Structure formats: structure tokens, C-alpha cells
Amino acid sequence: MSDLNRGIMKFKGADSPIAIAISAIVIGGGIGILIWWALQSAYAFS
């Protein structure tokens, strides 16, 4: 068992490249949306 198959991701195949890519996209997208929302709230661009 690899270290990536522990913790929150306790399912078979949690350390597969597809699962890692999907997780990275979801996390990166969430961070991007938060940054976009913060910039829209702080500055009037339009």
C-alpha cells in the first residue's frame, strides 16, 4: 500500500494518475475561483 492510499482517500486506486489529476483539477479550480472572487470583491474592474 502506498502512502497515497491512506488518510481521506481510502479507496482502491486512490494513487492512480487519473484520481490524482482529478483531485488536482478540483483543488486548483477551487483556489482559482476563490482568487477570482476575492479580486472581484476587492477591485472594481468594470
PDB file of N, CA and C in Angstrom:
ATOM      1  N   MET A   1       0.851  -1.184   0.000  1.00  0.00           N
ATOM      2  CA  MET A   1       0.000   0.000   0.000  1.00  0.00           C
ATOM      3  C   MET A   1       0.891   1.240   0.000  1.00  0.00           C
ATOM      4  N   SER A   2       0.612   2.125  -0.909  1.00  0.00           N
ATOM      5  CA  SER A   2       1.401   3.355  -0.957  1.00  0.00           C
ATOM      6  C   SER A   2       0.863   4.358   0.065  1.00  0.00           C
ATOM      7  N   ASP A   3       1.631   5.389   0.303  1.00  0.00           N
ATOM      8  CA  ASP A   3       1.220   6.418   1.257  1.00  0.00           C
ATOM      9  C   ASP A   3       0.035   7.220   0.757  1.00  0.00           C
ATOM     10  N   LEU A   4      -0.175   7.249  -0.580  1.00  0.00           N
ATOM     11  CA  LEU A   4      -1.303   7.999  -1.123  1.00  0.00           C
ATOM     12  C   LEU A   4      -2.630   7.277  -0.901  1.00  0.00           C
ATOM     13  N   ASN A   5      -2.590   6.005  -0.536  1.00  0.00           N
ATOM     14  CA  ASN A   5      -3.805   5.221  -0.346  1.00  0.00           C
ATOM     15  C   ASN A   5      -4.230   5.218   1.124  1.00  0.00           C
ATOM     16  N   ARG A   6      -3.840   6.219   1.866  1.00  0.00           N
ATOM     17  CA  ARG A   6      -4.205   6.339   3.279  1.00  0.00           C
ATOM     18  C   ARG A   6      -4.894   7.662   3.517  1.00  0.00           C
ATOM     19  N   GLY A   7      -5.343   7.886   4.726  1.00  0.00           N
ATOM     20  CA  GLY A   7      -5.973   9.154   5.065  1.00  0.00           C
ATOM     21  C   GLY A   7      -7.375   9.255   4.491  1.00  0.00           C
ATOM     22  N   ILE A   8      -7.692  10.398   3.880  1.00  0.00           N
ATOM     23  CA  ILE A   8      -9.035  10.635   3.356  1.00  0.00           C
ATOM     24  C   ILE A   8      -9.329   9.717   2.182  1.00  0.00           C
ATOM     25  N   MET A   9      -8.341   9.505   1.319  1.00  0.00           N
ATOM     26  CA  MET A   9      -8.553   8.718   0.100  1.00  0.00           C
ATOM     27  C   MET A   9      -8.320   7.242   0.398  1.00  0.00           C
ATOM     28  N   LYS A  10      -9.282   6.601   1.053  1.00  0.00           N
ATOM     29  CA  LYS A  10      -9.157   5.204   1.455  1.00  0.00           C
ATOM     30  C   LYS A  10      -9.879   4.273   0.487  1.00  0.00           C
ATOM     31  N   PHE A  11      -9.765   4.503  -0.809  1.00  0.00           N
ATOM     32  CA  PHE A  11     -10.395   3.601  -1.759  1.00  0.00           C
ATOM     33  C   PHE A  11      -9.347   3.036  -2.693  1.00  0.00           C
ATOM     34  N   LYS A  12      -9.687   1.921  -3.292  1.00  0.00           N
ATOM     35  CA  LYS A  12      -8.741   1.256  -4.188  1.00  0.00           C
ATOM     36  C   LYS A  12      -8.526   2.131  -5.424  1.00  0.00           C
ATOM     37  N   GLY A  13      -7.290   2.347  -5.781  1.00  0.00           N
ATOM     38  CA  GLY A  13      -6.968   3.175  -6.931  1.00  0.00           C
ATOM     39  C   GLY A  13      -6.820   4.645  -6.589  1.00  0.00           C
ATOM     40  N   ALA A  14      -6.723   4.969  -5.314  1.00  0.00           N
ATOM     41  CA  ALA A  14      -6.592   6.370  -4.919  1.00  0.00           C
ATOM     42  C   ALA A  14      -5.266   6.954  -5.367  1.00  0.00           C
ATOM     43  N   ASP A  15      -4.273   6.089  -5.605  1.00  0.00           N
ATOM     44  CA  ASP A  15      -2.976   6.590  -6.034  1.00  0.00           C
ATOM     45  C   ASP A  15      -2.789   6.473  -7.547  1.00  0.00           C
ATOM     46  N   SER A  16      -3.884   6.277  -8.277  1.00  0.00           N
ATOM     47  CA  SER A  16      -3.778   6.208  -9.731  1.00  0.00           C
ATOM     48  C   SER A  16      -3.596   7.620 -10.300  1.00  0.00           C
ATOM     49  N   PRO A  17      -2.928   7.731 -11.442  1.00  0.00           N
ATOM     50  CA  PRO A  17      -2.704   9.060 -12.022  1.00  0.00           C
ATOM     51  C   PRO A  17      -4.000   9.799 -12.347  1.00  0.00           C
ATOM     52  N   ILE A  18      -5.040   9.083 -12.726  1.00  0.00           N
ATOM     53  CA  ILE A  18      -6.321   9.730 -13.056  1.00  0.00           C
ATOM     54  C   ILE A  18      -6.940  10.348 -11.802  1.00  0.00           C
ATOM     55  N   ALA A  19      -6.935   9.609 -10.700  1.00  0.00           N
ATOM     56  CA  ALA A  19      -7.500  10.139  -9.454  1.00  0.00           C
ATOM     57  C   ALA A  19      -6.706  11.341  -8.956  1.00  0.00           C
ATOM     58  N   ILE A  20      -5.395  11.277  -9.091  1.00  0.00           N
ATOM     59  CA  ILE A  20      -4.557  12.399  -8.668  1.00  0.00           C
ATOM     60  C   ILE A  20      -4.821  13.618  -9.546  1.00  0.00           C
ATOM     61  N   ALA A  21      -4.974  13.399 -10.871  1.00  0.00           N
ATOM     62  CA  ALA A  21      -5.243  14.513 -11.783  1.00  0.00           C
ATOM     63  C   ALA A  21      -6.590  15.153 -11.486  1.00  0.00           C
ATOM     64  N   ILE A  22      -7.617  14.345 -11.237  1.00  0.00           N
ATOM     65  CA  ILE A  22      -8.942  14.883 -10.934  1.00  0.00           C
ATOM     66  C   ILE A  22      -8.895  15.684  -9.637  1.00  0.00           C
ATOM     67  N   SER A  23      -8.214  15.160  -8.628  1.00  0.00           N
ATOM     68  CA  SER A  23      -8.089  15.881  -7.358  1.00  0.00           C
ATOM     69  C   SER A  23      -7.366  17.209  -7.545  1.00  0.00           C
ATOM     70  N   ALA A  24      -6.297  17.197  -8.353  1.00  0.00           N
ATOM     71  CA  ALA A  24      -5.542  18.426  -8.591  1.00  0.00           C
ATOM     72  C   ALA A  24      -6.394  19.455  -9.323  1.00  0.00           C
ATOM     73  N   ILE A  25      -7.203  19.008 -10.278  1.00  0.00           N
ATOM     74  CA  ILE A  25      -8.067  19.931 -11.022  1.00  0.00           C
ATOM     75  C   ILE A  25      -9.124  20.533 -10.102  1.00  0.00           C
ATOM     76  N   VAL A  26      -9.715  19.709  -9.255  1.00  0.00           N
ATOM     77  CA  VAL A  26     -10.756  20.203  -8.337  1.00  0.00           C
ATOM     78  C   VAL A  26     -10.164  21.204  -7.345  1.00  0.00           C
ATOM     79  N   ILE A  27      -9.024  20.863  -6.772  1.00  0.00           N
ATOM     80  CA  ILE A  27      -8.398  21.756  -5.798  1.00  0.00           C
ATOM     81  C   ILE A  27      -7.922  23.045  -6.477  1.00  0.00           C
ATOM     82  N   GLY A  28      -7.265  22.899  -7.624  1.00  0.00           N
ATOM     83  CA  GLY A  28      -6.796  24.076  -8.357  1.00  0.00           C
ATOM     84  C   GLY A  28      -7.939  24.969  -8.802  1.00  0.00           C
ATOM     85  N   GLY A  29      -9.041  24.366  -9.254  1.00  0.00           N
ATOM     86  CA  GLY A  29     -10.206  25.137  -9.656  1.00  0.00           C
ATOM     87  C   GLY A  29     -10.830  25.876  -8.486  1.00  0.00           C
ATOM     88  N   GLY A  30     -10.895  25.222  -7.353  1.00  0.00           N
ATOM     89  CA  GLY A  30     -11.434  25.885  -6.159  1.00  0.00           C
ATOM     90  C   GLY A  30     -10.590  27.069  -5.736  1.00  0.00           C
ATOM     91  N   ILE A  31      -9.275  26.898  -5.767  1.00  0.00           N
ATOM     92  CA  ILE A  31      -8.383  28.003  -5.423  1.00  0.00           C
ATOM     93  C   ILE A  31      -8.526  29.134  -6.431  1.00  0.00           C
ATOM     94  N   GLY A  32      -8.627  28.780  -7.715  1.00  0.00           N
ATOM     95  CA  GLY A  32      -8.792  29.793  -8.756  1.00  0.00           C
ATOM     96  C   GLY A  32     -10.078  30.583  -8.594  1.00  0.00           C
ATOM     97  N   ILE A  33     -11.162  29.889  -8.275  1.00  0.00           N
ATOM     98  CA  ILE A  33     -12.449  30.566  -8.068  1.00  0.00           C
ATOM     99  C   ILE A  33     -12.373  31.492  -6.861  1.00  0.00           C
ATOM    100  N   LEU A  34     -11.724  31.051  -5.790  1.00  0.00           N
ATOM    101  CA  LEU A  34     -11.587  31.914  -4.610  1.00  0.00           C
ATOM    102  C   LEU A  34     -10.752  33.151  -4.912  1.00  0.00           C
ATOM    103  N   ILE A  35      -9.671  32.992  -5.673  1.00  0.00           N
ATOM    104  CA  ILE A  35      -8.847  34.153  -6.046  1.00  0.00           C
ATOM    105  C   ILE A  35      -9.649  35.099  -6.927  1.00  0.00           C
ATOM    106  N   TRP A  36     -10.385  34.553  -7.898  1.00  0.00           N
ATOM    107  CA  TRP A  36     -11.201  35.390  -8.787  1.00  0.00           C
ATOM    108  C   TRP A  36     -12.251  36.146  -7.985  1.00  0.00           C
ATOM    109  N   TRP A  37     -12.930  35.448  -7.056  1.00  0.00           N
ATOM    110  CA  TRP A  37     -13.961  36.079  -6.235  1.00  0.00           C
ATOM    111  C   TRP A  37     -13.352  37.181  -5.354  1.00  0.00           C
ATOM    112  N   ALA A  38     -12.164  36.915  -4.788  1.00  0.00           N
ATOM    113  CA  ALA A  38     -11.519  37.917  -3.939  1.00  0.00           C
ATOM    114  C   ALA A  38     -11.149  39.162  -4.747  1.00  0.00           C
ATOM    115  N   LEU A  39     -10.637  38.960  -5.959  1.00  0.00           N
ATOM    116  CA  LEU A  39     -10.284  40.111  -6.788  1.00  0.00           C
ATOM    117  C   LEU A  39     -11.524  40.886  -7.215  1.00  0.00           C
ATOM    118  N   GLN A  40     -12.604  40.193  -7.536  1.00  0.00           N
ATOM    119  CA  GLN A  40     -13.836  40.867  -7.922  1.00  0.00           C
ATOM    120  C   GLN A  40     -14.419  41.656  -6.743  1.00  0.00           C
ATOM    121  N   SER A  41     -14.274  41.127  -5.538  1.00  0.00           N
ATOM    122  CA  SER A  41     -14.803  41.802  -4.354  1.00  0.00           C
ATOM    123  C   SER A  41     -13.954  43.010  -3.962  1.00  0.00           C
ATOM    124  N   ALA A  42     -12.645  42.898  -4.165  1.00  0.00           N
ATOM    125  CA  ALA A  42     -11.744  43.949  -3.702  1.00  0.00           C
ATOM    126  C   ALA A  42     -11.618  45.101  -4.687  1.00  0.00           C
ATOM    127  N   TYR A  43     -11.702  44.809  -5.992  1.00  0.00           N
ATOM    128  CA  TYR A  43     -11.444  45.823  -7.005  1.00  0.00           C
ATOM    129  C   TYR A  43     -12.619  45.890  -7.977  1.00  0.00           C
ATOM    130  N   ALA A  44     -12.937  47.071  -8.442  1.00  0.00           N
ATOM    131  CA  ALA A  44     -13.979  47.246  -9.438  1.00  0.00           C
ATOM    132  C   ALA A  44     -13.337  47.267 -10.827  1.00  0.00           C
ATOM    133  N   PHE A  45     -13.384  46.127 -11.513  1.00  0.00           N
ATOM    134  CA  PHE A  45     -12.752  46.025 -12.834  1.00  0.00           C
ATOM    135  C   PHE A  45     -13.613  46.581 -13.949  1.00  0.00           C
ATOM    136  N   SER A  46     -14.918  46.592 -13.757  1.00  0.00           N
ATOM    137  CA  SER A  46     -15.781  47.056 -14.853  1.00  0.00           C
ATOM    138  C   SER A  46     -16.656  48.214 -14.454  1.00  0.00           C
TER     139      SER A  46
END
